[in-house]
Amino acid sequence: MSIGDKIRQRRKELGLTQTELGKRVHKSSQVISNWERGYTTGIAADDLRQLAIALDTDVHFFVPASPEHLPWGFMTAESSSGYLQESPTDSRLETLIEAYPHLDEKSKDIIEAIIKLSNN
């Protein structure tokens, strides 16, 4: 389930309109609509925090429950220390590294937020 799907699902569970949610996070209903439909290329980490508060949930709600479901699968093996480590055979990591410098700031913020969440 995408972040947009999760936003829509939780918004509807709370009986909120896109306009009402937008007011809670200081965004227009069009921005909320774009997030829900996946039209926005990235959602800033601060916006995810505001959404979590507005939707009475935790930021973890927006990311997969287990590391193997993270985008690109770049953190898949657990080390003996309990920290996640890179999978040396995953070509998606190489793709991410190559693409990262060309991403917009919001996309970079999302990647950083996911990494921080996965390390908690």
PDB file of N, CA and C in Angstrom:
ATOM      1  N   MET A   1       0.856  -1.173   0.000  1.00  0.00           N
ATOM      2  CA  MET A   1       0.000   0.000   0.000  1.00  0.00           C
ATOM      3  C   MET A   1       0.902   1.235   0.000  1.00  0.00           C
ATOM      4  N   SER A   2       0.630   2.176  -0.883  1.00  0.00           N
ATOM      5  CA  SER A   2       1.450   3.380  -1.001  1.00  0.00           C
ATOM      6  C   SER A   2       1.154   4.358   0.140  1.00  0.00           C
ATOM      7  N   ILE A   3       2.031   5.342   0.283  1.00  0.00           N
ATOM      8  CA  ILE A   3       1.802   6.378   1.298  1.00  0.00           C
ATOM      9  C   ILE A   3       0.487   7.087   1.016  1.00  0.00           C
ATOM     10  N   GLY A   4       0.222   7.383  -0.242  1.00  0.00           N
ATOM     11  CA  GLY A   4      -1.036   8.044  -0.605  1.00  0.00           C
ATOM     12  C   GLY A   4      -2.253   7.227  -0.210  1.00  0.00           C
ATOM     13  N   ASP A   5      -2.180   5.915  -0.448  1.00  0.00           N
ATOM     14  CA  ASP A   5      -3.282   5.034  -0.051  1.00  0.00           C
ATOM     15  C   ASP A   5      -3.482   5.056   1.458  1.00  0.00           C
ATOM     16  N   LYS A   6      -2.376   5.087   2.191  1.00  0.00           N
ATOM     17  CA  LYS A   6      -2.470   5.105   3.648  1.00  0.00           C
ATOM     18  C   LYS A   6      -3.056   6.425   4.149  1.00  0.00           C
ATOM     19  N   ILE A   7      -2.673   7.528   3.510  1.00  0.00           N
ATOM     20  CA  ILE A   7      -3.252   8.823   3.887  1.00  0.00           C
ATOM     21  C   ILE A   7      -4.758   8.791   3.665  1.00  0.00           C
ATOM     22  N   ARG A   8      -5.177   8.344   2.483  1.00  0.00           N
ATOM     23  CA  ARG A   8      -6.604   8.284   2.159  1.00  0.00           C
ATOM     24  C   ARG A   8      -7.353   7.373   3.122  1.00  0.00           C
ATOM     25  N   GLN A   9      -6.792   6.196   3.371  1.00  0.00           N
ATOM     26  CA  GLN A   9      -7.434   5.229   4.263  1.00  0.00           C
ATOM     27  C   GLN A   9      -7.657   5.834   5.651  1.00  0.00           C
ATOM     28  N   ARG A  10      -6.605   6.408   6.218  1.00  0.00           N
ATOM     29  CA  ARG A  10      -6.709   6.945   7.578  1.00  0.00           C
ATOM     30  C   ARG A  10      -7.629   8.161   7.616  1.00  0.00           C
ATOM     31  N   ARG A  11      -7.556   9.009   6.593  1.00  0.00           N
ATOM     32  CA  ARG A  11      -8.430  10.187   6.527  1.00  0.00           C
ATOM     33  C   ARG A  11      -9.885   9.760   6.546  1.00  0.00           C
ATOM     34  N   LYS A  12     -10.203   8.739   5.748  1.00  0.00           N
ATOM     35  CA  LYS A  12     -11.582   8.251   5.680  1.00  0.00           C
ATOM     36  C   LYS A  12     -12.008   7.584   6.983  1.00  0.00           C
ATOM     37  N   GLU A  13     -11.084   6.864   7.619  1.00  0.00           N
ATOM     38  CA  GLU A  13     -11.396   6.252   8.912  1.00  0.00           C
ATOM     39  C   GLU A  13     -11.816   7.307   9.930  1.00  0.00           C
ATOM     40  N   LEU A  14     -11.188   8.473   9.848  1.00  0.00           N
ATOM     41  CA  LEU A  14     -11.487   9.561  10.780  1.00  0.00           C
ATOM     42  C   LEU A  14     -12.651  10.427  10.308  1.00  0.00           C
ATOM     43  N   GLY A  15     -13.169  10.129   9.121  1.00  0.00           N
ATOM     44  CA  GLY A  15     -14.299  10.892   8.589  1.00  0.00           C
ATOM     45  C   GLY A  15     -13.943  12.309   8.175  1.00  0.00           C
ATOM     46  N   LEU A  16     -12.705  12.500   7.741  1.00  0.00           N
ATOM     47  CA  LEU A  16     -12.245  13.821   7.318  1.00  0.00           C
ATOM     48  C   LEU A  16     -12.330  13.969   5.807  1.00  0.00           C
ATOM     49  N   THR A  17     -12.620  15.178   5.373  1.00  0.00           N
ATOM     50  CA  THR A  17     -12.525  15.486   3.943  1.00  0.00           C
ATOM     51  C   THR A  17     -11.090  15.892   3.645  1.00  0.00           C
ATOM     52  N   GLN A  18     -10.752  15.958   2.367  1.00  0.00           N
ATOM     53  CA  GLN A  18      -9.416  16.418   1.990  1.00  0.00           C
ATOM     54  C   GLN A  18      -9.214  17.862   2.438  1.00  0.00           C
ATOM     55  N   THR A  19     -10.254  18.663   2.378  1.00  0.00           N
ATOM     56  CA  THR A  19     -10.167  20.060   2.811  1.00  0.00           C
ATOM     57  C   THR A  19      -9.881  20.148   4.307  1.00  0.00           C
ATOM     58  N   GLU A  20     -10.576  19.329   5.100  1.00  0.00           N
ATOM     59  CA  GLU A  20     -10.364  19.335   6.546  1.00  0.00           C
ATOM     60  C   GLU A  20      -8.948  18.889   6.902  1.00  0.00           C
ATOM     61  N   LEU A  21      -8.480  17.832   6.246  1.00  0.00           N
ATOM     62  CA  LEU A  21      -7.117  17.372   6.489  1.00  0.00           C
ATOM     63  C   LEU A  21      -6.121  18.444   6.069  1.00  0.00           C
ATOM     64  N   GLY A  22      -6.367  19.065   4.928  1.00  0.00           N
ATOM     65  CA  GLY A  22      -5.496  20.136   4.450  1.00  0.00           C
ATOM     66  C   GLY A  22      -5.366  21.265   5.458  1.00  0.00           C
ATOM     67  N   LYS A  23      -6.468  21.640   6.080  1.00  0.00           N
ATOM     68  CA  LYS A  23      -6.430  22.698   7.097  1.00  0.00           C
ATOM     69  C   LYS A  23      -5.584  22.276   8.288  1.00  0.00           C
ATOM     70  N   ARG A  24      -5.661  21.005   8.653  1.00  0.00           N
ATOM     71  CA  ARG A  24      -4.891  20.511   9.798  1.00  0.00           C
ATOM     72  C   ARG A  24      -3.392  20.525   9.538  1.00  0.00           C
ATOM     73  N   VAL A  25      -2.996  20.337   8.278  1.00  0.00           N
ATOM     74  CA  VAL A  25      -1.560  20.292   7.952  1.00  0.00           C
ATOM     75  C   VAL A  25      -1.110  21.534   7.185  1.00  0.00           C
ATOM     76  N   HIS A  26      -1.995  22.528   7.095  1.00  0.00           N
ATOM     77  CA  HIS A  26      -1.684  23.799   6.438  1.00  0.00           C
ATOM     78  C   HIS A  26      -1.325  23.618   4.964  1.00  0.00           C
ATOM     79  N   LYS A  27      -2.107  22.777   4.296  1.00  0.00           N
ATOM     80  CA  LYS A  27      -1.942  22.530   2.864  1.00  0.00           C
ATOM     81  C   LYS A  27      -3.317  22.638   2.208  1.00  0.00           C
ATOM     82  N   SER A  28      -3.324  22.845   0.912  1.00  0.00           N
ATOM     83  CA  SER A  28      -4.598  22.908   0.195  1.00  0.00           C
ATOM     84  C   SER A  28      -5.172  21.504  -0.009  1.00  0.00           C
ATOM     85  N   SER A  29      -6.455  21.447  -0.289  1.00  0.00           N
ATOM     86  CA  SER A  29      -7.074  20.154  -0.576  1.00  0.00           C
ATOM     87  C   SER A  29      -6.469  19.542  -1.841  1.00  0.00           C
ATOM     88  N   GLN A  30      -5.993  20.391  -2.750  1.00  0.00           N
ATOM     89  CA  GLN A  30      -5.349  19.893  -3.972  1.00  0.00           C
ATOM     90  C   GLN A  30      -4.045  19.156  -3.634  1.00  0.00           C
ATOM     91  N   VAL A  31      -3.286  19.680  -2.679  1.00  0.00           N
ATOM     92  CA  VAL A  31      -2.052  19.013  -2.260  1.00  0.00           C
ATOM     93  C   VAL A  31      -2.391  17.651  -1.660  1.00  0.00           C
ATOM     94  N   ILE A  32      -3.416  17.619  -0.804  1.00  0.00           N
ATOM     95  CA  ILE A  32      -3.834  16.352  -0.199  1.00  0.00           C
ATOM     96  C   ILE A  32      -4.244  15.369  -1.290  1.00  0.00           C
ATOM     97  N   SER A  33      -5.023  15.842  -2.248  1.00  0.00           N
ATOM     98  CA  SER A  33      -5.458  15.002  -3.365  1.00  0.00           C
ATOM     99  C   SER A  33      -4.258  14.462  -4.139  1.00  0.00           C
ATOM    100  N   ASN A  34      -3.290  15.316  -4.405  1.00  0.00           N
ATOM    101  CA  ASN A  34      -2.087  14.891  -5.140  1.00  0.00           C
ATOM    102  C   ASN A  34      -1.297  13.850  -4.355  1.00  0.00           C
ATOM    103  N   TRP A  35      -1.203  14.022  -3.041  1.00  0.00           N
ATOM    104  CA  TRP A  35      -0.522  13.026  -2.215  1.00  0.00           C
ATOM    105  C   TRP A  35      -1.248  11.693  -2.298  1.00  0.00           C
ATOM    106  N   GLU A  36      -2.573  11.747  -2.130  1.00  0.00           N
ATOM    107  CA  GLU A  36      -3.350  10.514  -2.111  1.00  0.00           C
ATOM    108  C   GLU A  36      -3.299   9.782  -3.442  1.00  0.00           C
ATOM    109  N   ARG A  37      -3.267  10.504  -4.535  1.00  0.00           N
ATOM    110  CA  ARG A  37      -3.241   9.874  -5.852  1.00  0.00           C
ATOM    111  C   ARG A  37      -1.837   9.552  -6.334  1.00  0.00           C
ATOM    112  N   GLY A  38      -0.833   9.943  -5.544  1.00  0.00           N
ATOM    113  CA  GLY A  38       0.548   9.656  -5.917  1.00  0.00           C
ATOM    114  C   GLY A  38       1.089  10.572  -6.987  1.00  0.00           C
ATOM    115  N   TYR A  39       0.447  11.729  -7.189  1.00  0.00           N
ATOM    116  CA  TYR A  39       0.900  12.655  -8.220  1.00  0.00           C
ATOM    117  C   TYR A  39       2.107  13.473  -7.772  1.00  0.00           C
ATOM    118  N   THR A  40       2.300  13.629  -6.479  1.00  0.00           N
ATOM    119  CA  THR A  40       3.434  14.375  -5.955  1.00  0.00           C
ATOM    120  C   THR A  40       4.632  13.445  -5.900  1.00  0.00           C
ATOM    121  N   THR A  41       5.791  13.931  -6.342  1.00  0.00           N
ATOM    122  CA  THR A  41       6.977  13.079  -6.412  1.00  0.00           C
ATOM    123  C   THR A  41       7.547  12.761  -5.046  1.00  0.00           C
ATOM    124  N   GLY A  42       7.248  13.540  -4.049  1.00  0.00           N
ATOM    125  CA  GLY A  42       7.759  13.287  -2.710  1.00  0.00           C
ATOM    126  C   GLY A  42       7.001  14.076  -1.673  1.00  0.00           C
ATOM    127  N   ILE A  43       6.981  13.547  -0.464  1.00  0.00           N
ATOM    128  CA  ILE A  43       6.371  14.239   0.658  1.00  0.00           C
ATOM    129  C   ILE A  43       7.489  14.489   1.660  1.00  0.00           C
ATOM    130  N   ALA A  44       7.674  15.741   2.026  1.00  0.00           N
ATOM    131  CA  ALA A  44       8.748  16.096   2.950  1.00  0.00           C
ATOM    132  C   ALA A  44       8.541  15.432   4.300  1.00  0.00           C
ATOM    133  N   ALA A  45       9.655  15.171   4.978  1.00  0.00           N
ATOM    134  CA  ALA A  45       9.594  14.540   6.294  1.00  0.00           C
ATOM    135  C   ALA A  45       8.747  15.361   7.261  1.00  0.00           C
ATOM    136  N   ASP A  46       8.861  16.683   7.208  1.00  0.00           N
ATOM    137  CA  ASP A  46       8.041  17.535   8.079  1.00  0.00           C
ATOM    138  C   ASP A  46       6.562  17.371   7.766  1.00  0.00           C
ATOM    139  N   ASP A  47       6.236  17.234   6.492  1.00  0.00           N
ATOM    140  CA  ASP A  47       4.834  17.027   6.109  1.00  0.00           C
ATOM    141  C   ASP A  47       4.333  15.674   6.613  1.00  0.00           C
ATOM    142  N   LEU A  48       5.179  14.647   6.570  1.00  0.00           N
ATOM    143  CA  LEU A  48       4.791  13.337   7.100  1.00  0.00           C
ATOM    144  C   LEU A  48       4.526  13.423   8.600  1.00  0.00           C
ATOM    145  N   ARG A  49       5.354  14.189   9.305  1.00  0.00           N
ATOM    146  CA  ARG A  49       5.130  14.363  10.747  1.00  0.00           C
ATOM    147  C   ARG A  49       3.807  15.079  10.999  1.00  0.00           C
ATOM    148  N   GLN A  50       3.529  16.120  10.217  1.00  0.00           N
ATOM    149  CA  GLN A  50       2.263  16.852  10.368  1.00  0.00           C
ATOM    150  C   GLN A  50       1.071  15.957  10.041  1.00  0.00           C
ATOM    151  N   LEU A  51       1.206  15.144   9.004  1.00  0.00           N
ATOM    152  CA  LEU A  51       0.138  14.206   8.655  1.00  0.00           C
ATOM    153  C   LEU A  51      -0.112  13.216   9.780  1.00  0.00           C
ATOM    154  N   ALA A  52       0.963  12.707  10.370  1.00  0.00           N
ATOM    155  CA  ALA A  52       0.817  11.746  11.468  1.00  0.00           C
ATOM    156  C   ALA A  52       0.042  12.369  12.629  1.00  0.00           C
ATOM    157  N   ILE A  53       0.356  13.604  12.953  1.00  0.00           N
ATOM    158  CA  ILE A  53      -0.353  14.295  14.032  1.00  0.00           C
ATOM    159  C   ILE A  53      -1.815  14.513  13.643  1.00  0.00           C
ATOM    160  N   ALA A  54      -2.037  15.029  12.436  1.00  0.00           N
ATOM    161  CA  ALA A  54      -3.395  15.334  11.972  1.00  0.00           C
ATOM    162  C   ALA A  54      -4.260  14.087  11.863  1.00  0.00           C
ATOM    163  N   LEU A  55      -3.627  12.961  11.538  1.00  0.00           N
ATOM    164  CA  LEU A  55      -4.371  11.712  11.358  1.00  0.00           C
ATOM    165  C   LEU A  55      -4.318  10.835  12.606  1.00  0.00           C
ATOM    166  N   ASP A  56      -3.834  11.407  13.698  1.00  0.00           N
ATOM    167  CA  ASP A  56      -3.794  10.717  14.987  1.00  0.00           C
ATOM    168  C   ASP A  56      -3.142   9.340  14.861  1.00  0.00           C
ATOM    169  N   THR A  57      -1.959   9.356  14.281  1.00  0.00           N
ATOM    170  CA  THR A  57      -1.198   8.121  14.097  1.00  0.00           C
ATOM    171  C   THR A  57       0.277   8.424  14.273  1.00  0.00           C
ATOM    172  N   ASP A  58       1.112   7.469  14.003  1.00  0.00           N
ATOM    173  CA  ASP A  58       2.554   7.613  14.109  1.00  0.00           C
ATOM    174  C   ASP A  58       3.142   7.672  12.705  1.00  0.00           C
ATOM    175  N   VAL A  59       4.289   8.294  12.555  1.00  0.00           N
ATOM    176  CA  VAL A  59       4.951   8.368  11.247  1.00  0.00           C
ATOM    177  C   VAL A  59       5.205   6.973  10.693  1.00  0.00           C
ATOM    178  N   HIS A  60       5.423   6.005  11.576  1.00  0.00           N
ATOM    179  CA  HIS A  60       5.663   4.635  11.130  1.00  0.00           C
ATOM    180  C   HIS A  60       4.478   4.079  10.339  1.00  0.00           C
ATOM    181  N   PHE A  61       3.310   4.631  10.531  1.00  0.00           N
ATOM    182  CA  PHE A  61       2.122   4.197   9.792  1.00  0.00           C
ATOM    183  C   PHE A  61       2.337   4.318   8.282  1.00  0.00           C
ATOM    184  N   PHE A  62       3.131   5.310   7.875  1.00  0.00           N
ATOM    185  CA  PHE A  62       3.310   5.598   6.454  1.00  0.00           C
ATOM    186  C   PHE A  62       4.386   4.751   5.787  1.00  0.00           C
ATOM    187  N   VAL A  63       5.189   4.038   6.576  1.00  0.00           N
ATOM    188  CA  VAL A  63       6.256   3.223   5.998  1.00  0.00           C
ATOM    189  C   VAL A  63       5.993   1.756   6.288  1.00  0.00           C
ATOM    190  N   PRO A  64       6.566   0.859   5.508  1.00  0.00           N
ATOM    191  CA  PRO A  64       6.338  -0.571   5.716  1.00  0.00           C
ATOM    192  C   PRO A  64       6.757  -1.023   7.106  1.00  0.00           C
ATOM    193  N   ALA A  65       6.083  -2.040   7.600  1.00  0.00           N
ATOM    194  CA  ALA A  65       6.343  -2.549   8.945  1.00  0.00           C
ATOM    195  C   ALA A  65       7.673  -3.280   9.047  1.00  0.00           C
ATOM    196  N   SER A  66       8.123  -3.874   7.962  1.00  0.00           N
ATOM    197  CA  SER A  66       9.377  -4.617   8.022  1.00  0.00           C
ATOM    198  C   SER A  66      10.342  -4.114   6.964  1.00  0.00           C
ATOM    199  N   PRO A  67      11.636  -4.139   7.269  1.00  0.00           N
ATOM    200  CA  PRO A  67      12.639  -3.579   6.360  1.00  0.00           C
ATOM    201  C   PRO A  67      12.638  -4.187   4.969  1.00  0.00           C
ATOM    202  N   GLU A  68      12.279  -5.457   4.849  1.00  0.00           N
ATOM    203  CA  GLU A  68      12.334  -6.058   3.513  1.00  0.00           C
ATOM    204  C   GLU A  68      11.288  -5.472   2.568  1.00  0.00           C
ATOM    205  N   HIS A  69      10.338  -4.716   3.098  1.00  0.00           N
ATOM    206  CA  HIS A  69       9.336  -4.082   2.256  1.00  0.00           C
ATOM    207  C   HIS A  69       9.641  -2.614   1.975  1.00  0.00           C
ATOM    208  N   LEU A  70      10.798  -2.154   2.417  1.00  0.00           N
ATOM    209  CA  LEU A  70      11.182  -0.779   2.131  1.00  0.00           C
ATOM    210  C   LEU A  70      11.429  -0.632   0.639  1.00  0.00           C
ATOM    211  N   PRO A  71      11.170   0.568   0.093  1.00  0.00           N
ATOM    212  CA  PRO A  71      11.452   0.768  -1.323  1.00  0.00           C
ATOM    213  C   PRO A  71      12.899   0.414  -1.646  1.00  0.00           C
ATOM    214  N   TRP A  72      13.117  -0.179  -2.763  1.00  0.00           N
ATOM    215  CA  TRP A  72      14.409  -0.572  -3.299  1.00  0.00           C
ATOM    216  C   TRP A  72      15.029  -1.726  -2.540  1.00  0.00           C
ATOM    217  N   GLY A  73      14.495  -2.135  -1.412  1.00  0.00           N
ATOM    218  CA  GLY A  73      15.029  -3.248  -0.654  1.00  0.00           C
ATOM    219  C   GLY A  73      16.479  -3.080  -0.259  1.00  0.00           C
ATOM    220  N   PHE A  74      16.927  -1.839  -0.040  1.00  0.00           N
ATOM    221  CA  PHE A  74      18.344  -1.630   0.200  1.00  0.00           C
ATOM    222  C   PHE A  74      18.796  -1.994   1.595  1.00  0.00           C
ATOM    223  N   MET A  75      17.904  -2.301   2.509  1.00  0.00           N
ATOM    224  CA  MET A  75      18.263  -2.737   3.842  1.00  0.00           C
ATOM    225  C   MET A  75      17.525  -4.036   4.085  1.00  0.00           C
ATOM    226  N   THR A  76      18.195  -5.167   3.879  1.00  0.00           N
ATOM    227  CA  THR A  76      17.467  -6.420   3.946  1.00  0.00           C
ATOM    228  C   THR A  76      18.025  -7.431   4.932  1.00  0.00           C
ATOM    229  N   ALA A  77      19.278  -7.375   5.260  1.00  0.00           N
ATOM    230  CA  ALA A  77      19.862  -8.385   6.140  1.00  0.00           C
ATOM    231  C   ALA A  77      20.134  -7.787   7.508  1.00  0.00           C
ATOM    232  N   GLU A  78      19.861  -8.548   8.554  1.00  0.00           N
ATOM    233  CA  GLU A  78      20.102  -8.055   9.901  1.00  0.00           C
ATOM    234  C   GLU A  78      21.425  -8.611  10.405  1.00  0.00           C
ATOM    235  N   SER A  79      22.251  -7.728  10.940  1.00  0.00           N
ATOM    236  CA  SER A  79      23.561  -8.159  11.442  1.00  0.00           C
ATOM    237  C   SER A  79      23.426  -8.654  12.873  1.00  0.00           C
ATOM    238  N   SER A  80      24.480  -9.224  13.397  1.00  0.00           N
ATOM    239  CA  SER A  80      24.465  -9.747  14.762  1.00  0.00           C
ATOM    240  C   SER A  80      24.310  -8.632  15.784  1.00  0.00           C
ATOM    241  N   SER A  81      24.656  -7.398  15.412  1.00  0.00           N
ATOM    242  CA  SER A  81      24.515  -6.279  16.341  1.00  0.00           C
ATOM    243  C   SER A  81      23.088  -5.770  16.398  1.00  0.00           C
ATOM    244  N   GLY A  82      22.222  -6.289  15.542  1.00  0.00           N
ATOM    245  CA  GLY A  82      20.835  -5.852  15.543  1.00  0.00           C
ATOM    246  C   GLY A  82      20.557  -4.725  14.573  1.00  0.00           C
ATOM    247  N   TYR A  83      21.590  -4.162  13.985  1.00  0.00           N
ATOM    248  CA  TYR A  83      21.394  -3.101  13.010  1.00  0.00           C
ATOM    249  C   TYR A  83      21.264  -3.705  11.620  1.00  0.00           C
ATOM    250  N   LEU A  84      20.527  -3.012  10.792  1.00  0.00           N
ATOM    251  CA  LEU A  84      20.369  -3.489   9.429  1.00  0.00           C
ATOM    252  C   LEU A  84      21.605  -3.146   8.624  1.00  0.00           C
ATOM    253  N   GLN A  85      21.951  -4.021   7.711  1.00  0.00           N
ATOM    254  CA  GLN A  85      23.098  -3.762   6.849  1.00  0.00           C
ATOM    255  C   GLN A  85      22.693  -3.945   5.393  1.00  0.00           C
ATOM    256  N   GLU A  86      23.495  -3.389   4.522  1.00  0.00           N
ATOM    257  CA  GLU A  86      23.203  -3.464   3.095  1.00  0.00           C
ATOM    258  C   GLU A  86      23.306  -4.891   2.589  1.00  0.00           C
ATOM    259  N   SER A  87      22.454  -5.206   1.640  1.00  0.00           N
ATOM    260  CA  SER A  87      22.546  -6.486   0.960  1.00  0.00           C
ATOM    261  C   SER A  87      23.511  -6.307  -0.205  1.00  0.00           C
ATOM    262  N   PRO A  88      24.640  -7.010  -0.214  1.00  0.00           N
ATOM    263  CA  PRO A  88      25.655  -6.779  -1.236  1.00  0.00           C
ATOM    264  C   PRO A  88      25.216  -7.183  -2.643  1.00  0.00           C
ATOM    265  N   THR A  89      24.175  -8.000  -2.763  1.00  0.00           N
ATOM    266  CA  THR A  89      23.774  -8.471  -4.086  1.00  0.00           C
ATOM    267  C   THR A  89      22.594  -7.696  -4.661  1.00  0.00           C
ATOM    268  N   ASP A  90      22.106  -6.712  -3.960  1.00  0.00           N
ATOM    269  CA  ASP A  90      20.921  -6.008  -4.403  1.00  0.00           C
ATOM    270  C   ASP A  90      21.292  -4.871  -5.362  1.00  0.00           C
ATOM    271  N   SER A  91      21.012  -5.059  -6.633  1.00  0.00           N
ATOM    272  CA  SER A  91      21.346  -4.043  -7.635  1.00  0.00           C
ATOM    273  C   SER A  91      20.507  -2.785  -7.469  1.00  0.00           C
ATOM    274  N   ARG A  92      19.386  -2.889  -6.730  1.00  0.00           N
ATOM    275  CA  ARG A  92      18.547  -1.714  -6.509  1.00  0.00           C
ATOM    276  C   ARG A  92      19.285  -0.664  -5.694  1.00  0.00           C
ATOM    277  N   LEU A  93      20.178  -1.088  -4.814  1.00  0.00           N
ATOM    278  CA  LEU A  93      20.978  -0.140  -4.049  1.00  0.00           C
ATOM    279  C   LEU A  93      21.843   0.692  -4.985  1.00  0.00           C
ATOM    280  N   GLU A  94      22.464   0.044  -5.942  1.00  0.00           N
ATOM    281  CA  GLU A  94      23.295   0.763  -6.910  1.00  0.00           C
ATOM    282  C   GLU A  94      22.454   1.768  -7.699  1.00  0.00           C
ATOM    283  N   THR A  95      21.252   1.361  -8.080  1.00  0.00           N
ATOM    284  CA  THR A  95      20.350   2.248  -8.812  1.00  0.00           C
ATOM    285  C   THR A  95      20.004   3.462  -7.968  1.00  0.00           C
ATOM    286  N   LEU A  96      19.724   3.229  -6.693  1.00  0.00           N
ATOM    287  CA  LEU A  96      19.404   4.328  -5.782  1.00  0.00           C
ATOM    288  C   LEU A  96      20.574   5.291  -5.644  1.00  0.00           C
ATOM    289  N   ILE A  97      21.765   4.736  -5.478  1.00  0.00           N
ATOM    290  CA  ILE A  97      22.952   5.577  -5.323  1.00  0.00           C
ATOM    291  C   ILE A  97      23.168   6.429  -6.568  1.00  0.00           C
ATOM    292  N   GLU A  98      22.975   5.853  -7.727  1.00  0.00           N
ATOM    293  CA  GLU A  98      23.138   6.608  -8.979  1.00  0.00           C
ATOM    294  C   GLU A  98      22.066   7.672  -9.136  1.00  0.00           C
ATOM    295  N   ALA A  99      20.833   7.365  -8.712  1.00  0.00           N
ATOM    296  CA  ALA A  99      19.713   8.294  -8.907  1.00  0.00           C
ATOM    297  C   ALA A  99      19.672   9.398  -7.857  1.00  0.00           C
ATOM    298  N   TYR A 100      20.199   9.132  -6.674  1.00  0.00           N
ATOM    299  CA  TYR A 100      20.060  10.052  -5.541  1.00  0.00           C
ATOM    300  C   TYR A 100      20.466  11.497  -5.865  1.00  0.00           C
ATOM    301  N   PRO A 101      21.614  11.753  -6.476  1.00  0.00           N
ATOM    302  CA  PRO A 101      22.005  13.147  -6.738  1.00  0.00           C
ATOM    303  C   PRO A 101      21.025  13.892  -7.657  1.00  0.00           C
ATOM    304  N   HIS A 102      20.219  13.162  -8.395  1.00  0.00           N
ATOM    305  CA  HIS A 102      19.308  13.777  -9.350  1.00  0.00           C
ATOM    306  C   HIS A 102      17.889  13.939  -8.795  1.00  0.00           C
ATOM    307  N   LEU A 103      17.645  13.468  -7.561  1.00  0.00           N
ATOM    308  CA  LEU A 103      16.325  13.555  -6.957  1.00  0.00           C
ATOM    309  C   LEU A 103      16.063  14.968  -6.442  1.00  0.00           C
ATOM    310  N   ASP A 104      14.768  15.339  -6.381  1.00  0.00           N
ATOM    311  CA  ASP A 104      14.432  16.625  -5.779  1.00  0.00           C
ATOM    312  C   ASP A 104      14.557  16.504  -4.262  1.00  0.00           C
ATOM    313  N   GLU A 105      14.556  17.636  -3.584  1.00  0.00           N
ATOM    314  CA  GLU A 105      14.794  17.648  -2.139  1.00  0.00           C
ATOM    315  C   GLU A 105      13.728  16.884  -1.358  1.00  0.00           C
ATOM    316  N   LYS A 106      12.487  16.943  -1.801  1.00  0.00           N
ATOM    317  CA  LYS A 106      11.427  16.214  -1.098  1.00  0.00           C
ATOM    318  C   LYS A 106      11.662  14.705  -1.165  1.00  0.00           C
ATOM    319  N   SER A 107      12.084  14.215  -2.305  1.00  0.00           N
ATOM    320  CA  SER A 107      12.372  12.785  -2.443  1.00  0.00           C
ATOM    321  C   SER A 107      13.538  12.380  -1.554  1.00  0.00           C
ATOM    322  N   LYS A 108      14.560  13.220  -1.483  1.00  0.00           N
ATOM    323  CA  LYS A 108      15.690  12.937  -0.603  1.00  0.00           C
ATOM    324  C   LYS A 108      15.238  12.926   0.857  1.00  0.00           C
ATOM    325  N   ASP A 109      14.355  13.856   1.221  1.00  0.00           N
ATOM    326  CA  ASP A 109      13.831  13.900   2.588  1.00  0.00           C
ATOM    327  C   ASP A 109      13.082  12.613   2.934  1.00  0.00           C
ATOM    328  N   ILE A 110      12.325  12.093   1.989  1.00  0.00           N
ATOM    329  CA  ILE A 110      11.575  10.860   2.229  1.00  0.00           C
ATOM    330  C   ILE A 110      12.532   9.692   2.459  1.00  0.00           C
ATOM    331  N   ILE A 111      13.556   9.606   1.624  1.00  0.00           N
ATOM    332  CA  ILE A 111      14.534   8.531   1.778  1.00  0.00           C
ATOM    333  C   ILE A 111      15.211   8.629   3.139  1.00  0.00           C
ATOM    334  N   GLU A 112      15.599   9.837   3.524  1.00  0.00           N
ATOM    335  CA  GLU A 112      16.242  10.014   4.832  1.00  0.00           C
ATOM    336  C   GLU A 112      15.290   9.669   5.969  1.00  0.00           C
ATOM    337  N   ALA A 113      14.011  10.037   5.844  1.00  0.00           N
ATOM    338  CA  ALA A 113      13.031   9.717   6.888  1.00  0.00           C
ATOM    339  C   ALA A 113      12.848   8.206   7.018  1.00  0.00           C
ATOM    340  N   ILE A 114      12.808   7.511   5.903  1.00  0.00           N
ATOM    341  CA  ILE A 114      12.657   6.059   5.938  1.00  0.00           C
ATOM    342  C   ILE A 114      13.863   5.416   6.595  1.00  0.00           C
ATOM    343  N   ILE A 115      15.051   5.894   6.265  1.00  0.00           N
ATOM    344  CA  ILE A 115      16.266   5.333   6.866  1.00  0.00           C
ATOM    345  C   ILE A 115      16.257   5.570   8.374  1.00  0.00           C
ATOM    346  N   LYS A 116      15.904   6.784   8.786  1.00  0.00           N
ATOM    347  CA  LYS A 116      15.842   7.070  10.222  1.00  0.00           C
ATOM    348  C   LYS A 116      14.832   6.185  10.921  1.00  0.00           C
ATOM    349  N   LEU A 117      13.671   6.016  10.312  1.00  0.00           N
ATOM    350  CA  LEU A 117      12.637   5.171  10.916  1.00  0.00           C
ATOM    351  C   LEU A 117      13.069   3.717  10.999  1.00  0.00           C
ATOM    352  N   SER A 118      13.770   3.240   9.988  1.00  0.00           N
ATOM    353  CA  SER A 118      14.200   1.843   9.993  1.00  0.00           C
ATOM    354  C   SER A 118      15.287   1.583  11.020  1.00  0.00           C
ATOM    355  N   ASN A 119      15.977   2.625  11.436  1.00  0.00           N
ATOM    356  CA  ASN A 119      17.040   2.465  12.444  1.00  0.00           C
ATOM    357  C   ASN A 119      16.531   2.575  13.864  1.00  0.00           C
ATOM    358  N   ASN A 120      15.251   2.906  14.032  1.00  0.00           N
ATOM    359  CA  ASN A 120      14.678   3.029  15.384  1.00  0.00           C
ATOM    360  C   ASN A 120      14.235   1.702  15.918  1.00  0.00           C
TER     361      ASN A 120
END
